[in-house]
Amino acid sequence: MLEEGATDHQKPHTLDEVYYVAGGKAKMKVGANGNARNFDVSPGTIIYVPARVHHSFYDITERLAVLVFFAEQKVLPAAPYLTKAEG
């Protein structure tokens, strides 16, 4: 939860993140230097931020409520399956 006018001081994380904006209005910056993207966020916005990428909310004009999901990048082995003849 970030209040209207608040400053977001987060640092890059070691895990990938997905943000779901549940309420409020703000802008978000993802990336740094010449690779930064800025965009408006409002309820229903979903944002993917790869691990170790700078990101922050700014210009928060309405109390911002977000759900954040963290996950490490991991390649999973192929799931076993049964063919019609086996099952």
C-alpha atoms as a PDB file:
ATOM      1  CA  MET A   1       0.000   0.000   0.000  1.00  0.00           C
ATOM      2  CA  LEU A   2       1.382   3.402  -0.982  1.00  0.00           C
ATOM      3  CA  GLU A   3      -0.483   6.541   0.005  1.00  0.00           C
ATOM      4  CA  GLU A   4      -1.212   9.419  -2.363  1.00  0.00           C
ATOM      5  CA  GLY A   5       1.975  11.460  -2.811  1.00  0.00           C
ATOM      6  CA  ALA A   6       4.202   8.756  -1.269  1.00  0.00           C
ATOM      7  CA  THR A   7       7.661   7.896  -2.578  1.00  0.00           C
ATOM      8  CA  ASP A   8       8.435   4.311  -3.579  1.00  0.00           C
ATOM      9  CA  HIS A   9      11.984   3.467  -2.414  1.00  0.00           C
ATOM     10  CA  GLN A  10      12.240  -0.116  -3.587  1.00  0.00           C
ATOM     11  CA  LYS A  11      15.443  -1.565  -4.964  1.00  0.00           C
ATOM     12  CA  PRO A  12      15.810  -4.271  -7.628  1.00  0.00           C
ATOM     13  CA  HIS A  13      15.014  -7.758  -6.331  1.00  0.00           C
ATOM     14  CA  THR A  14      16.708 -11.075  -7.020  1.00  0.00           C
ATOM     15  CA  LEU A  15      13.427 -12.688  -8.097  1.00  0.00           C
ATOM     16  CA  ASP A  16      11.051 -11.956 -10.973  1.00  0.00           C
ATOM     17  CA  GLU A  17       7.939 -10.039  -9.926  1.00  0.00           C
ATOM     18  CA  VAL A  18       4.406  -9.672 -11.179  1.00  0.00           C
ATOM     19  CA  TYR A  19       2.352  -6.748  -9.875  1.00  0.00           C
ATOM     20  CA  TYR A  20      -1.436  -6.626  -9.975  1.00  0.00           C
ATOM     21  CA  VAL A  21      -2.850  -3.172  -9.249  1.00  0.00           C
ATOM     22  CA  ALA A  22      -5.983  -3.664  -7.141  1.00  0.00           C
ATOM     23  CA  GLY A  23      -6.700   0.018  -6.541  1.00  0.00           C
ATOM     24  CA  GLY A  24      -5.415   3.540  -6.973  1.00  0.00           C
ATOM     25  CA  LYS A  25      -3.630   5.475  -9.698  1.00  0.00           C
ATOM     26  CA  ALA A  26       0.047   6.150 -10.303  1.00  0.00           C
ATOM     27  CA  LYS A  27       2.817   5.872 -12.841  1.00  0.00           C
ATOM     28  CA  MET A  28       5.480   3.182 -12.928  1.00  0.00           C
ATOM     29  CA  LYS A  29       9.019   3.224 -14.260  1.00  0.00           C
ATOM     30  CA  VAL A  30      10.627  -0.094 -15.210  1.00  0.00           C
ATOM     31  CA  GLY A  31      14.274  -0.171 -16.273  1.00  0.00           C
ATOM     32  CA  ALA A  32      17.051   2.375 -16.103  1.00  0.00           C
ATOM     33  CA  ASN A  33      19.010   4.713 -18.333  1.00  0.00           C
ATOM     34  CA  GLY A  34      17.989   4.472 -21.993  1.00  0.00           C
ATOM     35  CA  ASN A  35      15.978   1.281 -21.453  1.00  0.00           C
ATOM     36  CA  ALA A  36      13.378   2.675 -19.031  1.00  0.00           C
ATOM     37  CA  ARG A  37       9.656   2.443 -19.752  1.00  0.00           C
ATOM     38  CA  ASN A  38       7.125   4.692 -18.018  1.00  0.00           C
ATOM     39  CA  PHE A  39       3.407   4.062 -17.990  1.00  0.00           C
ATOM     40  CA  ASP A  40       0.182   4.789 -16.118  1.00  0.00           C
ATOM     41  CA  VAL A  41      -1.204   2.158 -13.734  1.00  0.00           C
ATOM     42  CA  SER A  42      -4.743   1.807 -12.418  1.00  0.00           C
ATOM     43  CA  PRO A  43      -6.976  -1.018 -11.170  1.00  0.00           C
ATOM     44  CA  GLY A  44      -6.528  -4.125 -13.303  1.00  0.00           C
ATOM     45  CA  THR A  45      -3.026  -3.283 -14.547  1.00  0.00           C
ATOM     46  CA  ILE A  46      -0.612  -6.233 -14.523  1.00  0.00           C
ATOM     47  CA  ILE A  47       3.141  -5.559 -14.680  1.00  0.00           C
ATOM     48  CA  TYR A  48       5.972  -8.057 -15.091  1.00  0.00           C
ATOM     49  CA  VAL A  49       9.391  -6.988 -13.770  1.00  0.00           C
ATOM     50  CA  PRO A  50      12.360  -9.317 -14.384  1.00  0.00           C
ATOM     51  CA  ALA A  51      14.818  -9.965 -11.560  1.00  0.00           C
ATOM     52  CA  ARG A  52      17.443  -7.259 -10.953  1.00  0.00           C
ATOM     53  CA  VAL A  53      15.621  -4.603 -13.017  1.00  0.00           C
ATOM     54  CA  HIS A  54      15.099  -1.169 -11.445  1.00  0.00           C
ATOM     55  CA  HIS A  55      11.441  -0.254 -10.987  1.00  0.00           C
ATOM     56  CA  SER A  56       9.293   2.068  -8.899  1.00  0.00           C
ATOM     57  CA  PHE A  57       5.889   3.674  -8.667  1.00  0.00           C
ATOM     58  CA  TYR A  58       5.771   7.469  -8.778  1.00  0.00           C
ATOM     59  CA  ASP A  59       3.267  10.301  -9.173  1.00  0.00           C
ATOM     60  CA  ILE A  60       0.831   8.419  -6.927  1.00  0.00           C
ATOM     61  CA  THR A  61      -2.417  10.355  -7.248  1.00  0.00           C
ATOM     62  CA  GLU A  62      -4.694   7.858  -5.445  1.00  0.00           C
ATOM     63  CA  ARG A  63      -3.822   5.417  -2.641  1.00  0.00           C
ATOM     64  CA  LEU A  64      -2.148   2.501  -4.435  1.00  0.00           C
ATOM     65  CA  ALA A  65      -2.965  -1.099  -3.484  1.00  0.00           C
ATOM     66  CA  VAL A  66      -0.994  -3.825  -5.267  1.00  0.00           C
ATOM     67  CA  LEU A  67      -0.566  -7.578  -5.024  1.00  0.00           C
ATOM     68  CA  VAL A  68       3.005  -8.684  -5.693  1.00  0.00           C
ATOM     69  CA  PHE A  69       3.987 -12.198  -6.736  1.00  0.00           C
ATOM     70  CA  PHE A  70       7.660 -13.219  -6.577  1.00  0.00           C
ATOM     71  CA  ALA A  71       9.100 -16.187  -8.474  1.00  0.00           C
ATOM     72  CA  GLU A  72      12.506 -17.382  -9.452  1.00  0.00           C
ATOM     73  CA  GLN A  73      13.196 -18.233 -13.063  1.00  0.00           C
ATOM     74  CA  LYS A  74      13.425 -21.957 -13.177  1.00  0.00           C
ATOM     75  CA  VAL A  75      13.274 -24.393 -16.027  1.00  0.00           C
ATOM     76  CA  LEU A  76      11.173 -27.327 -14.952  1.00  0.00           C
ATOM     77  CA  PRO A  77      11.634 -30.798 -16.401  1.00  0.00           C
ATOM     78  CA  ALA A  78       8.977 -31.930 -18.831  1.00  0.00           C
ATOM     79  CA  ALA A  79       5.999 -33.370 -17.003  1.00  0.00           C
ATOM     80  CA  PRO A  80       5.454 -37.082 -17.533  1.00  0.00           C
ATOM     81  CA  TYR A  81       2.348 -37.964 -19.474  1.00  0.00           C
ATOM     82  CA  LEU A  82       0.510 -41.080 -20.542  1.00  0.00           C
ATOM     83  CA  THR A  83      -0.323 -41.899 -24.119  1.00  0.00           C
ATOM     84  CA  LYS A  84      -3.699 -43.311 -24.979  1.00  0.00           C
ATOM     85  CA  ALA A  85      -2.190 -46.810 -25.302  1.00  0.00           C
ATOM     86  CA  GLU A  86      -0.621 -46.569 -21.803  1.00  0.00           C
ATOM     87  CA  GLY A  87      -3.515 -45.077 -19.951  1.00  0.00           C
END
